[in-house]
């Protein structure tokens, strides 16, 4: 390719051709998304969703009841997500912060905030890093921020979009500089799907990959 920008556009286009363009439609309320992403640390999507659903069911979907509940009850509800000794206090502290600062269990005020300010605000919650904050802003508000998980990081490095040892924040900045904001949601979801189904960490199926001719990884293995 003549440039990384052209490669980035080609990656976006080919993945859309392979998997379609996902419709942006928030699946969860912003506070729900925040709690779910706290639960998702160091576990898979299936277990974090099970923990989230159990937590909601146990307390009738009432975040005020969760905030005031004994920690042991919360830990038991989210046990399947692992690291419950850390995650339960983080959930309570996050709800306490909202209760204290907003007076409600709502993040709707983020809709009017600039992206950088909204990222900083979310990262002030316990256990919330840049990826989690980006997920909440992209998925719930379609803000112009590009979350980078292990699938996105691995493929960005293999493709040559980012340096071989680029950290997640560098990968994020690379994509944000190469594609328009409107492409972030589709690309993020399609890279994750492609990483799970084709571009595996240990055994990538390069012969079946729609990105093969764009990718630097196959040549590096010859």
C-alpha atoms as a PDB file:
ATOM      1  CA  UNK A   1       0.000   0.000   0.000  1.00  0.00           C
ATOM      2  CA  UNK A   2       1.166   3.584  -0.617  1.00  0.00           C
ATOM      3  CA  UNK A   3       0.484   4.694   2.947  1.00  0.00           C
ATOM      4  CA  UNK A   4      -0.835   3.575   6.299  1.00  0.00           C
ATOM      5  CA  UNK A   5      -3.962   5.640   5.681  1.00  0.00           C
ATOM      6  CA  UNK A   6      -4.692   3.684   2.508  1.00  0.00           C
ATOM      7  CA  UNK A   7      -3.999   0.426   4.326  1.00  0.00           C
ATOM      8  CA  UNK A   8      -6.299   1.430   7.182  1.00  0.00           C
ATOM      9  CA  UNK A   9      -9.088   2.242   4.745  1.00  0.00           C
ATOM     10  CA  UNK A  10      -8.569  -1.091   2.977  1.00  0.00           C
ATOM     11  CA  UNK A  11      -8.698  -2.973   6.293  1.00  0.00           C
ATOM     12  CA  UNK A  12     -11.934  -1.210   7.195  1.00  0.00           C
ATOM     13  CA  UNK A  13     -13.475  -1.945   3.790  1.00  0.00           C
ATOM     14  CA  UNK A  14     -12.468  -5.602   3.648  1.00  0.00           C
ATOM     15  CA  UNK A  15     -13.692  -6.362   7.147  1.00  0.00           C
ATOM     16  CA  UNK A  16     -17.009  -4.699   6.359  1.00  0.00           C
ATOM     17  CA  UNK A  17     -17.221  -6.920   3.281  1.00  0.00           C
ATOM     18  CA  UNK A  18     -16.523 -10.014   5.348  1.00  0.00           C
ATOM     19  CA  UNK A  19     -18.685  -9.278   8.382  1.00  0.00           C
ATOM     20  CA  UNK A  20     -20.993  -6.416   7.425  1.00  0.00           C
ATOM     21  CA  UNK A  21     -21.287  -2.964   8.978  1.00  0.00           C
ATOM     22  CA  UNK A  22     -22.648  -3.267  12.529  1.00  0.00           C
ATOM     23  CA  UNK A  23     -25.513  -0.951  13.360  1.00  0.00           C
ATOM     24  CA  UNK A  24     -24.726   1.399  16.208  1.00  0.00           C
ATOM     25  CA  UNK A  25     -27.388   0.697  18.763  1.00  0.00           C
ATOM     26  CA  UNK A  26     -26.522   0.944  22.464  1.00  0.00           C
ATOM     27  CA  UNK A  27     -27.142  -2.426  24.094  1.00  0.00           C
ATOM     28  CA  UNK A  28     -26.875  -1.137  27.659  1.00  0.00           C
ATOM     29  CA  UNK A  29     -27.496   2.063  29.566  1.00  0.00           C
ATOM     30  CA  UNK A  30     -24.213   3.914  30.224  1.00  0.00           C
ATOM     31  CA  UNK A  31     -24.026   2.999  33.928  1.00  0.00           C
ATOM     32  CA  UNK A  32     -24.815  -0.628  33.069  1.00  0.00           C
ATOM     33  CA  UNK A  33     -22.041  -0.560  30.464  1.00  0.00           C
ATOM     34  CA  UNK A  34     -19.635   0.869  33.046  1.00  0.00           C
ATOM     35  CA  UNK A  35     -20.420  -1.883  35.561  1.00  0.00           C
ATOM     36  CA  UNK A  36     -20.216  -4.559  32.873  1.00  0.00           C
ATOM     37  CA  UNK A  37     -16.817  -3.370  31.724  1.00  0.00           C
ATOM     38  CA  UNK A  38     -15.546  -3.358  35.321  1.00  0.00           C
ATOM     39  CA  UNK A  39     -16.707  -6.985  35.533  1.00  0.00           C
ATOM     40  CA  UNK A  40     -15.035  -7.852  32.213  1.00  0.00           C
ATOM     41  CA  UNK A  41     -11.477  -7.381  33.490  1.00  0.00           C
ATOM     42  CA  UNK A  42      -9.425 -10.596  33.170  1.00  0.00           C
ATOM     43  CA  UNK A  43     -12.335 -12.770  32.135  1.00  0.00           C
ATOM     44  CA  UNK A  44     -14.268 -13.608  28.980  1.00  0.00           C
ATOM     45  CA  UNK A  45     -17.435 -11.947  27.717  1.00  0.00           C
ATOM     46  CA  UNK A  46     -19.607 -14.900  28.663  1.00  0.00           C
ATOM     47  CA  UNK A  47     -18.596 -14.867  32.323  1.00  0.00           C
ATOM     48  CA  UNK A  48     -18.707 -11.085  32.692  1.00  0.00           C
ATOM     49  CA  UNK A  49     -22.224 -10.997  31.208  1.00  0.00           C
ATOM     50  CA  UNK A  50     -23.368 -13.824  33.496  1.00  0.00           C
ATOM     51  CA  UNK A  51     -22.020 -11.940  36.500  1.00  0.00           C
ATOM     52  CA  UNK A  52     -23.710  -8.736  35.373  1.00  0.00           C
ATOM     53  CA  UNK A  53     -27.062 -10.436  34.825  1.00  0.00           C
ATOM     54  CA  UNK A  54     -26.843 -12.194  38.194  1.00  0.00           C
ATOM     55  CA  UNK A  55     -26.002  -8.916  39.927  1.00  0.00           C
ATOM     56  CA  UNK A  56     -28.953  -7.152  38.295  1.00  0.00           C
ATOM     57  CA  UNK A  57     -31.321 -10.010  39.120  1.00  0.00           C
ATOM     58  CA  UNK A  58     -30.127 -10.327  42.723  1.00  0.00           C
ATOM     59  CA  UNK A  59     -30.848  -6.655  43.447  1.00  0.00           C
ATOM     60  CA  UNK A  60     -33.817  -6.156  41.134  1.00  0.00           C
ATOM     61  CA  UNK A  61     -31.889  -3.832  38.820  1.00  0.00           C
ATOM     62  CA  UNK A  62     -31.637  -1.260  41.619  1.00  0.00           C
ATOM     63  CA  UNK A  63     -28.174   0.286  41.712  1.00  0.00           C
ATOM     64  CA  UNK A  64     -28.983   2.018  44.996  1.00  0.00           C
ATOM     65  CA  UNK A  65     -29.597  -1.395  46.538  1.00  0.00           C
ATOM     66  CA  UNK A  66     -26.236  -2.595  45.184  1.00  0.00           C
ATOM     67  CA  UNK A  67     -24.478   0.480  46.580  1.00  0.00           C
ATOM     68  CA  UNK A  68     -25.809  -0.120  50.079  1.00  0.00           C
ATOM     69  CA  UNK A  69     -25.564  -3.931  50.079  1.00  0.00           C
ATOM     70  CA  UNK A  70     -23.001  -5.900  52.096  1.00  0.00           C
ATOM     71  CA  UNK A  71     -19.901  -6.538  49.992  1.00  0.00           C
ATOM     72  CA  UNK A  72     -20.187 -10.288  50.527  1.00  0.00           C
ATOM     73  CA  UNK A  73     -23.567 -10.327  48.769  1.00  0.00           C
ATOM     74  CA  UNK A  74     -22.124  -8.483  45.787  1.00  0.00           C
ATOM     75  CA  UNK A  75     -19.086 -10.762  45.674  1.00  0.00           C
ATOM     76  CA  UNK A  76     -21.334 -13.818  45.634  1.00  0.00           C
ATOM     77  CA  UNK A  77     -23.421 -12.383  42.794  1.00  0.00           C
ATOM     78  CA  UNK A  78     -20.408 -11.629  40.591  1.00  0.00           C
ATOM     79  CA  UNK A  79     -18.259 -14.631  41.558  1.00  0.00           C
ATOM     80  CA  UNK A  80     -18.319 -16.140  38.058  1.00  0.00           C
ATOM     81  CA  UNK A  81     -16.443 -13.108  36.683  1.00  0.00           C
ATOM     82  CA  UNK A  82     -13.433 -13.772  38.910  1.00  0.00           C
ATOM     83  CA  UNK A  83     -11.444 -11.206  40.913  1.00  0.00           C
ATOM     84  CA  UNK A  84     -14.622 -10.532  42.870  1.00  0.00           C
ATOM     85  CA  UNK A  85     -12.670  -9.313  45.908  1.00  0.00           C
ATOM     86  CA  UNK A  86     -11.428  -6.407  43.776  1.00  0.00           C
ATOM     87  CA  UNK A  87     -14.427  -5.912  41.495  1.00  0.00           C
ATOM     88  CA  UNK A  88     -17.117  -5.730  44.189  1.00  0.00           C
ATOM     89  CA  UNK A  89     -15.532  -2.749  46.016  1.00  0.00           C
ATOM     90  CA  UNK A  90     -14.886  -1.018  42.675  1.00  0.00           C
ATOM     91  CA  UNK A  91     -18.544  -1.344  41.720  1.00  0.00           C
ATOM     92  CA  UNK A  92     -19.662   0.052  45.081  1.00  0.00           C
ATOM     93  CA  UNK A  93     -17.143   2.910  44.937  1.00  0.00           C
ATOM     94  CA  UNK A  94     -18.281   3.778  41.410  1.00  0.00           C
ATOM     95  CA  UNK A  95     -21.923   3.888  42.495  1.00  0.00           C
ATOM     96  CA  UNK A  96     -20.954   5.950  45.555  1.00  0.00           C
ATOM     97  CA  UNK A  97     -19.152   8.417  43.286  1.00  0.00           C
ATOM     98  CA  UNK A  98     -22.213   8.817  41.047  1.00  0.00           C
ATOM     99  CA  UNK A  99     -24.532   9.133  44.030  1.00  0.00           C
ATOM    100  CA  UNK A 100     -22.307  11.788  45.564  1.00  0.00           C
ATOM    101  CA  UNK A 101     -21.383  13.806  42.473  1.00  0.00           C
ATOM    102  CA  UNK A 102     -24.410  13.419  40.192  1.00  0.00           C
ATOM    103  CA  UNK A 103     -27.167  12.605  42.646  1.00  0.00           C
ATOM    104  CA  UNK A 104     -28.326   9.801  40.392  1.00  0.00           C
ATOM    105  CA  UNK A 105     -27.001   6.612  38.808  1.00  0.00           C
ATOM    106  CA  UNK A 106     -26.551   8.220  35.430  1.00  0.00           C
ATOM    107  CA  UNK A 107     -23.755   9.065  33.027  1.00  0.00           C
ATOM    108  CA  UNK A 108     -25.984  10.936  30.595  1.00  0.00           C
ATOM    109  CA  UNK A 109     -24.038  14.152  31.219  1.00  0.00           C
ATOM    110  CA  UNK A 110     -21.140  12.630  29.260  1.00  0.00           C
ATOM    111  CA  UNK A 111     -23.093  13.170  26.035  1.00  0.00           C
ATOM    112  CA  UNK A 112     -22.294  16.886  26.129  1.00  0.00           C
ATOM    113  CA  UNK A 113     -18.684  16.588  27.275  1.00  0.00           C
ATOM    114  CA  UNK A 114     -15.656  16.764  24.936  1.00  0.00           C
ATOM    115  CA  UNK A 115     -14.102  13.346  24.367  1.00  0.00           C
ATOM    116  CA  UNK A 116     -10.908  14.014  26.323  1.00  0.00           C
ATOM    117  CA  UNK A 117     -12.808  15.408  29.293  1.00  0.00           C
ATOM    118  CA  UNK A 118     -15.207  12.460  29.255  1.00  0.00           C
ATOM    119  CA  UNK A 119     -12.293  10.001  29.114  1.00  0.00           C
ATOM    120  CA  UNK A 120     -10.634  11.715  32.068  1.00  0.00           C
ATOM    121  CA  UNK A 121     -13.875  11.703  34.034  1.00  0.00           C
ATOM    122  CA  UNK A 122     -14.504   7.998  33.506  1.00  0.00           C
ATOM    123  CA  UNK A 123     -10.921   7.137  34.394  1.00  0.00           C
ATOM    124  CA  UNK A 124     -11.460   8.803  37.760  1.00  0.00           C
ATOM    125  CA  UNK A 125     -13.672   5.828  38.683  1.00  0.00           C
ATOM    126  CA  UNK A 126     -11.914   2.975  40.520  1.00  0.00           C
ATOM    127  CA  UNK A 127     -10.614   0.251  38.245  1.00  0.00           C
ATOM    128  CA  UNK A 128     -11.568   2.100  35.052  1.00  0.00           C
ATOM    129  CA  UNK A 129      -8.744   2.409  32.552  1.00  0.00           C
ATOM    130  CA  UNK A 130      -8.559   3.985  29.136  1.00  0.00           C
ATOM    131  CA  UNK A 131     -10.009   0.957  27.313  1.00  0.00           C
ATOM    132  CA  UNK A 132     -13.017   0.726  29.621  1.00  0.00           C
ATOM    133  CA  UNK A 133     -13.660   4.462  29.359  1.00  0.00           C
ATOM    134  CA  UNK A 134     -13.398   4.309  25.562  1.00  0.00           C
ATOM    135  CA  UNK A 135     -15.845   1.398  25.395  1.00  0.00           C
ATOM    136  CA  UNK A 136     -18.463   3.290  27.412  1.00  0.00           C
ATOM    137  CA  UNK A 137     -18.075   6.417  25.274  1.00  0.00           C
ATOM    138  CA  UNK A 138     -18.053   4.624  21.907  1.00  0.00           C
ATOM    139  CA  UNK A 139     -20.775   2.082  22.639  1.00  0.00           C
ATOM    140  CA  UNK A 140     -23.166   4.330  24.558  1.00  0.00           C
ATOM    141  CA  UNK A 141     -22.555   7.764  23.019  1.00  0.00           C
ATOM    142  CA  UNK A 142     -20.636   7.009  19.806  1.00  0.00           C
ATOM    143  CA  UNK A 143     -17.931   9.411  20.895  1.00  0.00           C
ATOM    144  CA  UNK A 144     -14.799   9.593  18.742  1.00  0.00           C
ATOM    145  CA  UNK A 145     -12.567   7.252  20.700  1.00  0.00           C
ATOM    146  CA  UNK A 146     -11.166   3.881  19.630  1.00  0.00           C
ATOM    147  CA  UNK A 147     -10.942   1.140  22.297  1.00  0.00           C
ATOM    148  CA  UNK A 148      -7.983  -1.227  21.988  1.00  0.00           C
ATOM    149  CA  UNK A 149      -8.193  -4.720  23.442  1.00  0.00           C
ATOM    150  CA  UNK A 150      -5.754  -7.588  22.862  1.00  0.00           C
ATOM    151  CA  UNK A 151      -7.377  -8.560  19.544  1.00  0.00           C
ATOM    152  CA  UNK A 152      -7.147  -5.030  18.170  1.00  0.00           C
ATOM    153  CA  UNK A 153      -3.602  -4.562  19.434  1.00  0.00           C
ATOM    154  CA  UNK A 154      -2.367  -7.858  17.965  1.00  0.00           C
ATOM    155  CA  UNK A 155      -3.859  -7.279  14.528  1.00  0.00           C
ATOM    156  CA  UNK A 156      -2.727  -3.655  14.366  1.00  0.00           C
ATOM    157  CA  UNK A 157       0.840  -4.777  14.990  1.00  0.00           C
ATOM    158  CA  UNK A 158       0.673  -7.668  12.521  1.00  0.00           C
ATOM    159  CA  UNK A 159      -0.799  -5.456   9.818  1.00  0.00           C
ATOM    160  CA  UNK A 160       1.867  -2.792  10.285  1.00  0.00           C
ATOM    161  CA  UNK A 161      -0.662  -0.141  11.234  1.00  0.00           C
ATOM    162  CA  UNK A 162       1.226   0.147  14.518  1.00  0.00           C
ATOM    163  CA  UNK A 163       4.756  -0.653  15.639  1.00  0.00           C
ATOM    164  CA  UNK A 164       5.485  -4.252  16.628  1.00  0.00           C
ATOM    165  CA  UNK A 165       5.774  -3.269  20.293  1.00  0.00           C
ATOM    166  CA  UNK A 166       3.177  -0.495  20.315  1.00  0.00           C
ATOM    167  CA  UNK A 167       1.232  -0.160  23.557  1.00  0.00           C
ATOM    168  CA  UNK A 168      -2.581   0.101  23.459  1.00  0.00           C
ATOM    169  CA  UNK A 169      -2.625   3.909  23.687  1.00  0.00           C
ATOM    170  CA  UNK A 170      -0.287   4.179  20.711  1.00  0.00           C
ATOM    171  CA  UNK A 171      -2.441   1.759  18.714  1.00  0.00           C
ATOM    172  CA  UNK A 172      -5.500   3.826  19.606  1.00  0.00           C
ATOM    173  CA  UNK A 173      -3.836   7.015  18.384  1.00  0.00           C
ATOM    174  CA  UNK A 174      -2.734   5.316  15.171  1.00  0.00           C
ATOM    175  CA  UNK A 175      -6.254   4.298  14.166  1.00  0.00           C
ATOM    176  CA  UNK A 176      -7.756   7.606  15.271  1.00  0.00           C
ATOM    177  CA  UNK A 177      -5.287   9.464  13.059  1.00  0.00           C
ATOM    178  CA  UNK A 178      -5.910   7.260  10.012  1.00  0.00           C
ATOM    179  CA  UNK A 179      -9.701   6.898   9.792  1.00  0.00           C
ATOM    180  CA  UNK A 180     -12.728   9.166  10.238  1.00  0.00           C
ATOM    181  CA  UNK A 181     -14.588   9.043  13.542  1.00  0.00           C
ATOM    182  CA  UNK A 182     -17.625   7.418  11.943  1.00  0.00           C
ATOM    183  CA  UNK A 183     -15.586   4.291  11.150  1.00  0.00           C
ATOM    184  CA  UNK A 184     -14.455   3.554  14.706  1.00  0.00           C
ATOM    185  CA  UNK A 185     -17.464   1.549  15.893  1.00  0.00           C
ATOM    186  CA  UNK A 186     -17.592  -0.809  12.915  1.00  0.00           C
ATOM    187  CA  UNK A 187     -13.832  -1.312  12.785  1.00  0.00           C
ATOM    188  CA  UNK A 188     -13.544  -2.001  16.504  1.00  0.00           C
ATOM    189  CA  UNK A 189     -16.240  -4.695  16.453  1.00  0.00           C
ATOM    190  CA  UNK A 190     -15.042  -6.267  13.202  1.00  0.00           C
ATOM    191  CA  UNK A 191     -11.407  -6.414  14.344  1.00  0.00           C
ATOM    192  CA  UNK A 192     -12.516  -8.200  17.503  1.00  0.00           C
ATOM    193  CA  UNK A 193     -14.575 -10.687  15.509  1.00  0.00           C
ATOM    194  CA  UNK A 194     -11.745 -11.227  13.034  1.00  0.00           C
ATOM    195  CA  UNK A 195      -9.280 -11.713  15.875  1.00  0.00           C
ATOM    196  CA  UNK A 196     -11.469 -14.367  17.472  1.00  0.00           C
ATOM    197  CA  UNK A 197     -12.386 -16.219  14.286  1.00  0.00           C
ATOM    198  CA  UNK A 198      -9.311 -15.873  12.039  1.00  0.00           C
ATOM    199  CA  UNK A 199      -6.351 -13.911  13.394  1.00  0.00           C
ATOM    200  CA  UNK A 200      -5.755 -16.055  16.456  1.00  0.00           C
ATOM    201  CA  UNK A 201      -2.871 -15.132  18.749  1.00  0.00           C
ATOM    202  CA  UNK A 202      -1.106 -18.495  18.436  1.00  0.00           C
ATOM    203  CA  UNK A 203      -2.464 -20.049  15.250  1.00  0.00           C
ATOM    204  CA  UNK A 204      -3.669 -17.362  12.813  1.00  0.00           C
ATOM    205  CA  UNK A 205      -5.420 -18.787   9.756  1.00  0.00           C
ATOM    206  CA  UNK A 206      -3.572 -16.574   7.285  1.00  0.00           C
ATOM    207  CA  UNK A 207      -4.608 -18.642   4.234  1.00  0.00           C
ATOM    208  CA  UNK A 208      -8.260 -17.780   4.948  1.00  0.00           C
ATOM    209  CA  UNK A 209      -7.694 -14.149   5.886  1.00  0.00           C
ATOM    210  CA  UNK A 210      -9.254 -11.363   3.821  1.00  0.00           C
ATOM    211  CA  UNK A 211      -6.479  -9.070   5.068  1.00  0.00           C
ATOM    212  CA  UNK A 212      -3.586 -11.321   4.018  1.00  0.00           C
ATOM    213  CA  UNK A 213      -2.340  -9.132   1.154  1.00  0.00           C
ATOM    214  CA  UNK A 214      -2.321  -6.110   3.479  1.00  0.00           C
ATOM    215  CA  UNK A 215      -0.581  -7.848   6.344  1.00  0.00           C
ATOM    216  CA  UNK A 216       3.102  -7.948   7.255  1.00  0.00           C
ATOM    217  CA  UNK A 217       2.781 -11.008   9.480  1.00  0.00           C
ATOM    218  CA  UNK A 218       2.736 -13.809   6.846  1.00  0.00           C
ATOM    219  CA  UNK A 219       5.940 -12.529   5.270  1.00  0.00           C
ATOM    220  CA  UNK A 220       7.614 -12.392   8.676  1.00  0.00           C
ATOM    221  CA  UNK A 221       6.926 -16.122   9.145  1.00  0.00           C
ATOM    222  CA  UNK A 222       8.472 -17.229   5.840  1.00  0.00           C
END
